[in-house]
């Protein structure tokens, strides 16, 4: 069993922070980032080498892809009925060329003709019906199952799919537009392969297909010549090399060993930008979550939770913990399109959260602790190991809370174990730190922490559950959804069910001049890699 390591105190300097904030001023932001001009016209050919932190922990099955490493690969191999535009909200045709809502709970989709899976079989409506039913099959254990309200999915003809819902669901079309929450698989292929097979094999309709899988070191993909968008993809081969250490990835990009990487540390993004590499736009979808166990222990007392929230200096955490890259946020991150629309794409850092219990007020925090009757408050905070950027913020929080008389013991745990503890309900901690990435739908951020009846849920609040349900069922427009989710952000902050010091980019995409035509988007899954090509040398 992995041991838990106590963590010591952080030392930081104001001078270093000021220098970093200055360096970050020009990093990302301001419209869709694309490769620099001079790459020539789009053309086929060449090999792109990617340096990635890890391979998909959950494997290549699209509907099990919840972590970023798995979503990145799902986006290359699989597709949904619809797709999202670069703004993260607009809907576009994909495997379906058209769709219509015939009743409040019925949708009809018309499929694109002559779409083929990577094994050569032609996509049919029965494949789509099978794939959607598979998401909610309890035996599959998809993390997206609870997001759907299917009553039935049928294929009345070879190119028609009818989805009937048990209740209205405003999020349905957006869920169907993402490869990881609605990836379509071949029914025949999926039935003939085991769950373990699907971890290292794929058979989607996407622009690239798997050529080689070396566990822990390399995933090689090649252009799918039978792709329905005939002119794409342009690049012949993409190699994904595993480089767990960020410094190693940075060095590999600078040396030309790899052509594109993702970095999590803002200082690395800023440094690479200064060296002439292209840094993708910032998308503040990485909320620094501190999930709280409000069912037992000190945090079952709401006054204690409010005191802790008031005892956290978010401005300092943004300046130091996030290296100046953070913005105010609630449990639904500030950069999620449901809240900010296209504002982030226009360089706006998102709406100021303006949430309850968010202003630093250590005097009031001490008064609340005195009135709580809780006595001495000692908390255990579990965080992911091997992430110095997350550790820095945790250490600052520990230091800040010590000033109001709250003791925090930080323990570092391997990511797999941390997630296992969360989902099993055996937290072994008062707080768990996780960082969000862009979710398939805004409801999923809330479901992770507050799903009614889930083992992971550490709140008991019928009002919250009703409001979560209303946001899914009753929102009639994008404006309604934005309003309801902003209200949910406020409600969670008022009750202090999750602490969110800030949101910042989960990762920064960085690439060399070898890459042309590449666009970034909020999911950071390289969804538009099929549009990129190898730049023409001058």
Protein backbone atom coordinates (compact mmCIF):
# COMPACT_ATOMS: atom_id res chain seq x y z
CA UNK A 1 0.00 0.00 0.00
CA UNK A 2 1.33 3.44 -0.92
CA UNK A 3 2.39 5.50 2.07
CA UNK A 4 1.26 9.08 2.56
CA UNK A 5 3.96 11.73 2.81
CA UNK A 6 3.51 14.80 5.01
CA UNK A 7 4.51 18.00 3.26
CA UNK A 8 6.51 20.88 4.63
CA UNK A 9 6.24 24.66 4.37
CA UNK A 10 6.61 26.65 1.14
CA UNK A 11 9.03 29.54 0.74
CA UNK A 12 8.35 32.06 -2.03
CA UNK A 13 9.63 35.50 -2.96
CA UNK A 14 7.60 38.50 -4.08
CA UNK A 15 10.31 39.41 -6.60
CA UNK A 16 10.00 36.05 -8.32
CA UNK A 17 6.23 36.37 -8.46
CA UNK A 18 6.39 39.87 -9.94
CA UNK A 19 8.82 38.73 -12.63
CA UNK A 20 6.63 35.77 -13.48
CA UNK A 21 3.46 37.86 -13.72
CA UNK A 22 5.26 40.16 -16.18
CA UNK A 23 6.42 37.21 -18.25
CA UNK A 24 2.91 35.79 -18.38
CA UNK A 25 1.32 38.98 -19.64
CA UNK A 26 1.83 37.94 -23.26
CA UNK A 27 1.19 34.23 -22.85
CA UNK A 28 -1.88 33.05 -24.73
CA UNK A 29 -5.19 34.90 -25.04
CA UNK A 30 -6.70 36.95 -27.81
CA UNK A 31 -8.57 34.88 -30.37
CA UNK A 32 -8.05 31.34 -31.67
CA UNK A 33 -4.33 30.63 -31.59
CA UNK A 34 -3.09 29.21 -34.86
CA UNK A 35 0.31 28.37 -36.27
CA UNK A 36 2.28 31.31 -37.51
CA UNK A 37 1.87 32.31 -41.14
CA UNK A 38 4.43 31.05 -43.62
CA UNK A 39 3.50 27.37 -43.41
CA UNK A 40 2.35 27.29 -47.01
CA UNK A 41 -0.95 25.95 -48.26
CA UNK A 42 -2.54 22.86 -46.69
CA UNK A 43 -1.01 19.71 -48.11
CA UNK A 44 -0.63 16.06 -47.22
CA UNK A 45 2.47 14.35 -45.95
CA UNK A 46 4.98 14.21 -43.17
CA UNK A 47 5.21 12.97 -39.60
CA UNK A 48 4.38 14.95 -36.47
CA UNK A 49 5.97 14.00 -33.15
CA UNK A 50 4.10 14.81 -29.94
CA UNK A 51 5.55 14.71 -26.44
CA UNK A 52 2.84 13.73 -23.93
CA UNK A 53 2.89 13.41 -20.16
CA UNK A 54 1.17 10.03 -20.18
CA UNK A 55 -0.88 7.50 -22.09
CA UNK A 56 -4.60 7.05 -21.40
CA UNK A 57 -4.94 5.51 -17.96
CA UNK A 58 -8.43 4.27 -18.84
CA UNK A 59 -7.37 2.99 -22.26
CA UNK A 60 -8.73 3.86 -25.70
CA UNK A 61 -12.43 3.14 -25.16
CA UNK A 62 -13.97 6.58 -25.83
CA UNK A 63 -16.82 6.43 -23.34
CA UNK A 64 -14.39 5.63 -20.50
CA UNK A 65 -12.24 8.65 -21.37
CA UNK A 66 -12.61 11.16 -18.55
CA UNK A 67 -9.03 12.28 -17.91
CA UNK A 68 -7.31 14.58 -20.39
CA UNK A 69 -4.82 11.93 -21.52
CA UNK A 70 -7.67 9.66 -22.61
CA UNK A 71 -9.75 12.43 -24.21
CA UNK A 72 -6.80 13.48 -26.37
CA UNK A 73 -6.66 10.05 -28.02
CA UNK A 74 -10.44 9.63 -28.24
CA UNK A 75 -10.55 12.89 -30.23
CA UNK A 76 -8.29 11.38 -32.91
CA UNK A 77 -9.96 7.97 -33.22
CA UNK A 78 -13.66 8.59 -32.57
CA UNK A 79 -16.47 11.01 -33.36
CA UNK A 80 -19.95 11.84 -32.13
CA UNK A 81 -23.12 12.50 -34.06
CA UNK A 82 -22.33 16.22 -33.83
CA UNK A 83 -19.21 18.27 -33.25
CA UNK A 84 -18.40 21.54 -31.50
CA UNK A 85 -17.01 24.65 -33.12
CA UNK A 86 -13.86 26.39 -31.84
CA UNK A 87 -15.97 28.47 -29.44
CA UNK A 88 -16.93 25.31 -27.55
CA UNK A 89 -20.67 25.98 -27.81
CA UNK A 90 -21.78 26.06 -31.46
CA UNK A 91 -23.00 22.75 -32.88
CA UNK A 92 -21.88 21.38 -36.22
CA UNK A 93 -22.64 18.26 -38.27
CA UNK A 94 -20.34 15.28 -37.82
CA UNK A 95 -21.60 11.71 -38.25
CA UNK A 96 -25.09 13.22 -38.46
CA UNK A 97 -25.70 15.76 -41.21
CA UNK A 98 -28.95 17.04 -39.70
CA UNK A 99 -31.06 16.73 -36.57
CA UNK A 100 -34.38 17.94 -35.25
CA UNK A 101 -36.33 17.88 -32.02
CA UNK A 102 -39.79 16.54 -32.74
CA UNK A 103 -41.12 16.65 -29.15
CA UNK A 104 -39.66 17.93 -25.85
CA UNK A 105 -38.22 14.44 -25.31
CA UNK A 106 -37.60 13.14 -28.85
CA UNK A 107 -34.74 13.86 -31.26
CA UNK A 108 -34.22 12.53 -34.78
CA UNK A 109 -30.80 12.36 -36.46
CA UNK A 110 -30.02 11.75 -40.13
CA UNK A 111 -26.66 10.06 -40.66
CA UNK A 112 -23.97 11.00 -43.14
CA UNK A 113 -23.74 8.52 -46.01
CA UNK A 114 -20.70 6.31 -46.70
CA UNK A 115 -18.96 6.88 -43.38
CA UNK A 116 -16.60 4.01 -42.66
CA UNK A 117 -15.01 2.63 -39.54
CA UNK A 118 -11.27 2.04 -39.57
CA UNK A 119 -11.82 -1.65 -40.33
CA UNK A 120 -13.70 -0.72 -43.50
CA UNK A 121 -17.25 -1.40 -42.34
CA UNK A 122 -19.87 1.21 -43.19
CA UNK A 123 -21.48 3.10 -40.32
CA UNK A 124 -25.17 2.29 -39.83
CA UNK A 125 -27.89 3.62 -37.55
CA UNK A 126 -27.77 0.38 -35.57
CA UNK A 127 -24.12 1.14 -34.67
CA UNK A 128 -25.20 4.51 -33.31
CA UNK A 129 -28.10 3.07 -31.32
CA UNK A 130 -25.80 0.39 -29.88
CA UNK A 131 -23.13 2.96 -29.00
CA UNK A 132 -25.50 5.30 -27.18
CA UNK A 133 -27.14 2.47 -25.25
CA UNK A 134 -23.69 1.21 -24.35
CA UNK A 135 -22.91 4.48 -22.55
CA UNK A 136 -25.68 3.88 -20.02
CA UNK A 137 -25.09 0.12 -19.73
CA UNK A 138 -24.21 -0.49 -16.03
CA UNK A 139 -21.78 -3.23 -17.07
CA UNK A 140 -19.62 -0.72 -18.99
CA UNK A 141 -19.18 1.74 -16.07
CA UNK A 142 -18.97 4.84 -18.25
CA UNK A 143 -18.47 8.03 -16.22
CA UNK A 144 -20.96 9.67 -18.59
CA UNK A 145 -23.85 7.29 -17.88
CA UNK A 146 -25.48 9.52 -15.28
CA UNK A 147 -25.50 12.49 -17.68
CA UNK A 148 -27.97 10.86 -20.07
CA UNK A 149 -31.71 10.47 -19.60
CA UNK A 150 -32.40 7.91 -22.34
CA UNK A 151 -35.73 6.16 -22.46
CA UNK A 152 -34.87 4.42 -25.72
CA UNK A 153 -32.61 4.75 -28.75
CA UNK A 154 -33.80 3.17 -32.00
CA UNK A 155 -32.71 2.87 -35.63
CA UNK A 156 -35.91 2.96 -37.74
CA UNK A 157 -33.85 2.95 -40.96
CA UNK A 158 -30.21 2.64 -42.05
CA UNK A 159 -29.63 6.40 -41.84
CA UNK A 160 -32.09 7.47 -39.11
CA UNK A 161 -31.60 7.40 -35.34
CA UNK A 162 -34.33 8.37 -32.89
CA UNK A 163 -33.47 9.26 -29.30
CA UNK A 164 -36.31 9.25 -26.78
CA UNK A 165 -35.65 10.74 -23.37
CA UNK A 166 -37.29 9.95 -20.06
CA UNK A 167 -37.37 13.69 -19.37
CA UNK A 168 -36.30 16.88 -21.15
CA UNK A 169 -32.53 17.30 -21.26
CA UNK A 170 -31.05 20.59 -22.43
CA UNK A 171 -27.50 19.20 -22.42
CA UNK A 172 -28.15 16.32 -24.83
CA UNK A 173 -26.84 17.82 -28.07
CA UNK A 174 -23.65 19.07 -26.47
CA UNK A 175 -23.00 15.64 -24.98
CA UNK A 176 -23.49 14.05 -28.40
CA UNK A 177 -20.96 16.47 -29.91
CA UNK A 178 -17.89 15.19 -28.06
CA UNK A 179 -15.95 12.02 -28.91
CA UNK A 180 -15.43 11.00 -25.29
CA UNK A 181 -18.99 11.40 -24.06
CA UNK A 182 -20.63 9.96 -27.20
CA UNK A 183 -17.98 8.20 -29.30
CA UNK A 184 -19.61 5.95 -31.89
CA UNK A 185 -18.20 2.42 -32.19
CA UNK A 186 -18.91 -0.47 -34.53
CA UNK A 187 -21.43 -2.77 -32.88
CA UNK A 188 -19.95 -5.88 -34.50
CA UNK A 189 -16.42 -4.92 -33.53
CA UNK A 190 -17.26 -3.94 -29.94
CA UNK A 191 -19.25 -7.14 -29.33
CA UNK A 192 -16.37 -9.28 -30.63
CA UNK A 193 -13.73 -7.69 -28.39
CA UNK A 194 -13.30 -7.74 -24.63
CA UNK A 195 -13.16 -4.68 -22.42
CA UNK A 196 -9.41 -5.22 -22.11
CA UNK A 197 -9.06 -5.30 -25.90
CA UNK A 198 -10.70 -1.90 -26.13
CA UNK A 199 -8.02 -0.44 -23.87
CA UNK A 200 -5.29 -0.92 -26.48
CA UNK A 201 -7.28 -1.17 -29.73
CA UNK A 202 -9.67 1.15 -31.52
CA UNK A 203 -12.10 1.13 -34.42
CA UNK A 204 -13.62 4.55 -34.80
CA UNK A 205 -14.54 6.79 -37.72
CA UNK A 206 -12.06 9.53 -36.81
CA UNK A 207 -9.28 11.08 -38.94
CA UNK A 208 -6.50 8.88 -37.54
CA UNK A 209 -6.25 5.19 -36.81
CA UNK A 210 -3.96 3.27 -34.50
CA UNK A 211 -0.78 1.86 -36.01
CA UNK A 212 1.15 0.77 -32.93
CA UNK A 213 0.63 0.78 -29.17
CA UNK A 214 3.67 0.39 -26.92
CA UNK A 215 2.45 0.59 -23.36
CA UNK A 216 4.18 3.33 -21.41
CA UNK A 217 6.27 4.64 -24.29
CA UNK A 218 4.60 5.22 -27.68
CA UNK A 219 1.31 5.43 -29.56
CA UNK A 220 1.70 5.65 -33.35
CA UNK A 221 -1.22 6.78 -35.48
CA UNK A 222 -1.58 7.01 -39.25
CA UNK A 223 -3.89 8.92 -41.55
CA UNK A 224 -7.22 7.16 -42.18
CA UNK A 225 -7.51 7.25 -45.97
CA UNK A 226 -11.21 6.38 -45.78
CA UNK A 227 -12.12 9.40 -43.66
CA UNK A 228 -15.43 10.97 -44.69
CA UNK A 229 -13.96 14.48 -44.89
CA UNK A 230 -11.97 13.50 -47.97
CA UNK A 231 -9.37 16.27 -47.93
CA UNK A 232 -8.35 15.55 -44.34
CA UNK A 233 -6.36 14.84 -42.33
CA UNK A 234 -3.25 16.32 -43.91
CA UNK A 235 -0.49 14.80 -41.78
CA UNK A 236 0.37 11.20 -42.66
CA UNK A 237 1.59 10.00 -39.28
CA UNK A 238 1.50 11.27 -35.70
CA UNK A 239 3.71 9.70 -33.03
CA UNK A 240 2.80 10.28 -29.37
CA UNK A 241 5.87 9.74 -27.19
CA UNK A 242 5.50 9.46 -23.43
CA UNK A 243 7.58 12.01 -21.52
CA UNK A 244 6.27 12.22 -17.95
CA UNK A 245 8.60 15.01 -16.84
CA UNK A 246 7.62 18.47 -18.04
CA UNK A 247 11.20 19.73 -18.12
CA UNK A 248 12.08 16.83 -20.42
CA UNK A 249 9.23 17.75 -22.76
CA UNK A 250 10.35 21.36 -22.86
CA UNK A 251 13.92 20.34 -23.72
CA UNK A 252 12.67 17.93 -26.39
CA UNK A 253 10.64 20.70 -28.04
CA UNK A 254 13.58 23.10 -27.96
CA UNK A 255 15.92 20.51 -29.45
CA UNK A 256 13.49 19.53 -32.20
CA UNK A 257 13.05 15.98 -30.91
CA UNK A 258 9.30 16.64 -30.73
CA UNK A 259 7.14 19.17 -32.57
CA UNK A 260 4.41 19.94 -30.02
CA UNK A 261 3.84 19.45 -26.30
CA UNK A 262 1.53 20.49 -23.51
CA UNK A 263 2.88 22.17 -20.38
CA UNK A 264 1.08 22.87 -17.13
CA UNK A 265 3.49 25.43 -15.65
CA UNK A 266 2.84 29.00 -16.84
CA UNK A 267 6.53 29.83 -16.55
CA UNK A 268 7.35 27.18 -19.14
CA UNK A 269 4.71 28.49 -21.53
CA UNK A 270 6.06 32.03 -21.13
CA UNK A 271 9.66 30.93 -21.65
CA UNK A 272 8.84 28.97 -24.79
CA UNK A 273 6.85 31.87 -26.22
CA UNK A 274 9.89 34.12 -25.76
CA UNK A 275 11.96 31.57 -27.68
CA UNK A 276 9.66 31.82 -30.67
CA UNK A 277 7.35 28.87 -30.16
CA UNK A 278 3.61 29.31 -30.58
CA UNK A 279 1.55 29.09 -27.39
CA UNK A 280 -2.14 28.34 -27.70
CA UNK A 281 -4.88 30.49 -26.24
CA UNK A 282 -5.61 30.33 -22.54
CA UNK A 283 -8.83 28.64 -21.46
CA UNK A 284 -9.50 28.94 -17.75
CA UNK A 285 -11.17 25.55 -17.33
CA UNK A 286 -8.76 24.19 -14.71
CA UNK A 287 -10.55 24.94 -11.44
CA UNK A 288 -8.37 24.23 -8.41
CA UNK A 289 -10.95 22.23 -6.48
CA UNK A 290 -10.84 21.45 -2.80
CA UNK A 291 -13.69 19.00 -2.29
CA UNK A 292 -14.93 19.00 1.33
CA UNK A 293 -16.32 16.14 3.38
CA UNK A 294 -19.37 17.86 4.88
CA UNK A 295 -20.90 14.65 6.26
CA UNK A 296 -18.43 14.03 9.07
CA UNK A 297 -15.50 15.63 10.85
CA UNK A 298 -14.85 19.33 11.34
CA UNK A 299 -16.25 20.31 7.92
CA UNK A 300 -19.72 19.04 8.79
CA UNK A 301 -20.02 22.39 10.59
CA UNK A 302 -21.05 25.09 8.09
CA UNK A 303 -19.52 27.90 10.15
CA UNK A 304 -16.17 26.09 10.03
CA UNK A 305 -16.45 25.80 6.25
CA UNK A 306 -17.33 29.48 5.92
CA UNK A 307 -14.43 30.43 8.17
CA UNK A 308 -12.00 28.45 6.07
CA UNK A 309 -13.28 30.07 2.89
CA UNK A 310 -12.87 33.56 4.41
CA UNK A 311 -9.42 32.61 5.69
CA UNK A 312 -8.13 31.93 2.19
CA UNK A 313 -6.47 34.86 0.42
CA UNK A 314 -7.39 34.14 -3.19
CA UNK A 315 -5.46 37.11 -4.57
CA UNK A 316 -2.25 35.77 -3.07
CA UNK A 317 -3.02 32.27 -4.32
CA UNK A 318 -3.59 33.59 -7.84
CA UNK A 319 -0.38 35.63 -7.74
CA UNK A 320 1.82 32.93 -6.27
CA UNK A 321 0.12 29.54 -6.39
CA UNK A 322 -1.00 29.88 -10.02
CA UNK A 323 2.04 31.98 -11.03
CA UNK A 324 -0.28 34.82 -11.95
CA UNK A 325 -2.32 32.69 -14.34
CA UNK A 326 -5.50 32.26 -12.27
CA UNK A 327 -8.89 33.99 -12.32
CA UNK A 328 -11.77 34.02 -9.85
CA UNK A 329 -13.95 30.94 -10.21
CA UNK A 330 -16.62 28.73 -8.74
CA UNK A 331 -16.99 24.96 -8.88
CA UNK A 332 -17.95 25.34 -12.55
CA UNK A 333 -14.73 26.87 -13.90
CA UNK A 334 -14.75 30.42 -15.18
CA UNK A 335 -13.64 29.42 -18.67
CA UNK A 336 -16.36 26.86 -19.34
CA UNK A 337 -18.33 27.98 -22.41
CA UNK A 338 -21.63 27.56 -20.56
CA UNK A 339 -20.64 30.53 -18.38
CA UNK A 340 -18.43 32.62 -20.60
CA UNK A 341 -19.57 31.90 -24.14
CA UNK A 342 -16.89 33.24 -26.50
CA UNK A 343 -15.45 35.75 -24.01
CA UNK A 344 -12.34 33.72 -23.32
CA UNK A 345 -11.67 33.38 -27.04
CA UNK A 346 -11.72 37.18 -27.29
CA UNK A 347 -9.07 37.57 -24.63
CA UNK A 348 -11.51 38.15 -21.76
CA UNK A 349 -10.39 36.33 -18.64
CA UNK A 350 -13.98 35.47 -17.83
CA UNK A 351 -16.61 37.07 -15.64
CA UNK A 352 -15.51 38.00 -12.15
CA UNK A 353 -16.97 35.23 -10.05
CA UNK A 354 -18.34 37.58 -7.32
CA UNK A 355 -19.22 34.62 -5.11
CA UNK A 356 -20.21 34.48 -1.43
CA UNK A 357 -17.53 33.78 1.20
CA UNK A 358 -14.78 34.59 -1.29
CA UNK A 359 -13.38 37.87 0.07
CA UNK A 360 -10.36 37.44 2.34
CA UNK A 361 -11.45 38.34 5.88
CA UNK A 362 -9.33 36.58 8.53
CA UNK A 363 -10.93 38.52 11.40
CA UNK A 364 -14.42 37.34 10.45
CA UNK A 365 -13.01 33.85 9.88
CA UNK A 366 -11.77 33.76 13.47
CA UNK A 367 -15.11 34.99 14.78
CA UNK A 368 -16.96 32.26 12.86
CA UNK A 369 -14.62 29.63 14.28
CA UNK A 370 -15.28 30.90 17.80
CA UNK A 371 -19.04 30.75 17.23
CA UNK A 372 -18.90 27.33 15.59
CA UNK A 373 -18.17 25.51 18.85
CA UNK A 374 -15.81 23.23 16.94
CA UNK A 375 -12.79 23.83 19.16
CA UNK A 376 -9.40 23.10 17.61
CA UNK A 377 -9.77 22.43 13.88
CA UNK A 378 -7.30 20.04 12.27
CA UNK A 379 -7.78 19.03 8.64
CA UNK A 380 -6.16 16.52 6.34
CA UNK A 381 -5.79 17.57 2.69
CA UNK A 382 -5.06 14.87 0.08
CA UNK A 383 -3.46 16.01 -3.17
CA UNK A 384 -1.98 14.35 -6.22
CA UNK A 385 1.70 13.53 -5.96
CA UNK A 386 4.32 14.65 -8.49
CA UNK A 387 2.57 17.93 -9.31
CA UNK A 388 4.65 20.76 -7.84
CA UNK A 389 2.29 23.41 -9.19
CA UNK A 390 -0.66 21.96 -7.24
CA UNK A 391 1.50 21.42 -4.17
CA UNK A 392 2.57 25.08 -4.14
CA UNK A 393 -1.03 26.25 -3.83
CA UNK A 394 -1.80 23.64 -1.17
CA UNK A 395 1.16 24.78 0.91
CA UNK A 396 0.05 28.40 0.65
CA UNK A 397 -3.45 27.45 1.78
CA UNK A 398 -1.93 25.63 4.74
CA UNK A 399 0.08 28.73 5.63
CA UNK A 400 -2.93 31.06 5.27
CA UNK A 401 -5.25 28.90 7.38
CA UNK A 402 -2.65 28.62 10.13
CA UNK A 403 -3.16 32.37 10.66
CA UNK A 404 -6.79 31.78 11.69
CA UNK A 405 -5.88 28.82 13.90
CA UNK A 406 -6.66 25.96 11.52
CA UNK A 407 -4.05 23.22 11.10
CA UNK A 408 -3.76 21.50 7.72
CA UNK A 409 -1.84 18.29 7.15
CA UNK A 410 -1.05 17.77 3.44
CA UNK A 411 -0.55 14.27 2.10
CA UNK A 412 0.52 13.41 -1.43
CA UNK A 413 -1.07 10.38 -3.10
CA UNK A 414 -0.61 8.86 -6.58
CA UNK A 415 -3.35 10.06 -8.90
CA UNK A 416 -4.89 6.62 -9.41
CA UNK A 417 -5.23 6.12 -5.66
CA UNK A 418 -6.61 9.62 -5.12
CA UNK A 419 -9.35 9.04 -7.71
CA UNK A 420 -10.04 5.61 -6.22
CA UNK A 421 -10.49 7.12 -2.77
CA UNK A 422 -12.85 9.77 -4.13
CA UNK A 423 -15.06 7.42 -6.12
CA UNK A 424 -15.20 4.76 -3.41
CA UNK A 425 -16.26 7.32 -0.81
CA UNK A 426 -13.32 6.31 1.40
CA UNK A 427 -11.61 9.66 1.26
CA UNK A 428 -9.32 9.15 4.25
CA UNK A 429 -9.13 12.95 4.32
CA UNK A 430 -11.26 16.00 5.08
CA UNK A 431 -10.42 17.57 1.73
CA UNK A 432 -9.41 16.22 -1.68
CA UNK A 433 -7.70 18.41 -4.25
CA UNK A 434 -8.43 17.85 -7.94
CA UNK A 435 -8.13 20.08 -10.97
CA UNK A 436 -10.90 20.18 -13.54
CA UNK A 437 -10.57 20.02 -17.28
CA UNK A 438 -13.29 20.99 -19.72
CA UNK A 439 -16.20 18.60 -19.15
CA UNK A 440 -18.63 17.27 -21.72
CA UNK A 441 -21.35 19.30 -20.01
CA UNK A 442 -21.39 21.72 -17.09
CA UNK A 443 -23.57 19.31 -15.13
CA UNK A 444 -20.63 16.91 -14.92
CA UNK A 445 -18.57 19.18 -12.65
CA UNK A 446 -21.45 19.07 -10.17
CA UNK A 447 -22.08 15.35 -10.64
CA UNK A 448 -18.49 14.51 -9.71
CA UNK A 449 -18.87 16.05 -6.26
CA UNK A 450 -22.63 16.03 -5.59
CA UNK A 451 -24.40 13.27 -7.54
CA UNK A 452 -27.30 12.05 -5.41
CA UNK A 453 -26.65 8.54 -4.13
CA UNK A 454 -23.06 8.36 -5.40
CA UNK A 455 -20.40 7.01 -3.04
CA UNK A 456 -18.19 10.00 -3.83
CA UNK A 457 -20.79 12.52 -2.65
CA UNK A 458 -20.06 14.12 0.71
CA UNK A 459 -23.07 16.43 0.96
CA UNK A 460 -26.70 15.85 1.90
CA UNK A 461 -28.73 18.64 0.34
CA UNK A 462 -32.08 18.00 -1.42
CA UNK A 463 -32.22 21.65 -2.50
CA UNK A 464 -28.91 21.30 -4.33
CA UNK A 465 -30.04 18.09 -6.03
CA UNK A 466 -33.29 19.68 -7.17
CA UNK A 467 -31.46 22.66 -8.63
CA UNK A 468 -28.99 20.37 -10.41
CA UNK A 469 -31.91 18.45 -11.93
CA UNK A 470 -33.66 21.66 -12.99
CA UNK A 471 -30.56 22.86 -14.83
CA UNK A 472 -30.59 19.67 -16.90
CA UNK A 473 -34.33 19.40 -17.50
CA UNK A 474 -35.77 22.91 -17.54
CA UNK A 475 -33.23 25.15 -19.23
CA UNK A 476 -34.84 26.16 -22.49
CA UNK A 477 -31.96 28.12 -24.01
CA UNK A 478 -28.22 28.72 -23.66
CA UNK A 479 -29.03 31.86 -21.70
CA UNK A 480 -31.22 29.87 -19.31
CA UNK A 481 -28.45 27.31 -18.81
CA UNK A 482 -25.87 30.02 -18.15
CA UNK A 483 -28.13 31.69 -15.58
CA UNK A 484 -28.97 28.43 -13.78
CA UNK A 485 -25.35 27.27 -13.61
CA UNK A 486 -24.17 30.66 -12.37
CA UNK A 487 -26.81 30.39 -9.64
CA UNK A 488 -25.56 26.90 -8.79
CA UNK A 489 -22.02 28.27 -8.53
CA UNK A 490 -23.30 30.83 -6.01
CA UNK A 491 -25.27 28.24 -4.04
CA UNK A 492 -22.28 25.91 -3.71
CA UNK A 493 -20.09 28.85 -2.64
CA UNK A 494 -22.68 30.01 -0.10
CA UNK A 495 -22.80 26.59 1.54
CA UNK A 496 -19.05 26.09 0.99
CA UNK A 497 -19.32 22.55 -0.36
CA UNK A 498 -16.21 22.97 -2.52
CA UNK A 499 -13.48 25.59 -2.15
CA UNK A 500 -12.14 27.04 -5.41
CA UNK A 501 -9.27 29.52 -4.97
CA UNK A 502 -9.02 30.07 -8.73
CA UNK A 503 -9.28 28.59 -12.21
CA UNK A 504 -6.44 28.64 -14.72
CA UNK A 505 -5.51 26.84 -17.93
CA UNK A 506 -5.24 23.09 -17.35
CA UNK A 507 -2.44 22.96 -19.89
CA UNK A 508 -0.88 25.17 -22.53
CA UNK A 509 -0.43 23.79 -26.04
CA UNK A 510 2.96 24.77 -27.47
CA UNK A 511 4.27 23.95 -30.93
CA UNK A 512 7.18 24.66 -33.24
CA UNK A 513 7.27 26.34 -36.64
CA UNK A 514 7.07 22.89 -38.22
CA UNK A 515 3.31 22.87 -37.47
CA UNK A 516 0.89 24.92 -39.59
CA UNK A 517 -2.89 25.32 -39.47
CA UNK A 518 -3.32 24.06 -35.89
CA UNK A 519 -6.04 25.59 -33.69
CA UNK A 520 -6.49 25.18 -29.97
CA UNK A 521 -9.80 25.02 -28.10
CA UNK A 522 -11.04 24.81 -24.54
CA UNK A 523 -10.87 21.02 -24.14
CA UNK A 524 -7.10 20.94 -24.94
CA UNK A 525 -7.65 17.58 -26.66
CA UNK A 526 -6.13 18.63 -30.03
CA UNK A 527 -9.58 18.17 -31.54
CA UNK A 528 -8.58 20.16 -34.63
CA UNK A 529 -5.30 18.39 -35.31
CA UNK A 530 -6.85 17.00 -38.49
CA UNK A 531 -6.76 20.56 -39.89
CA UNK A 532 -2.99 20.95 -39.33
CA UNK A 533 -0.20 20.24 -41.79
CA UNK A 534 3.59 20.17 -41.86
CA UNK A 535 4.82 23.66 -42.72
CA UNK A 536 6.60 24.20 -46.00
CA UNK A 537 10.23 25.09 -45.50
CA UNK A 538 11.40 28.35 -47.01
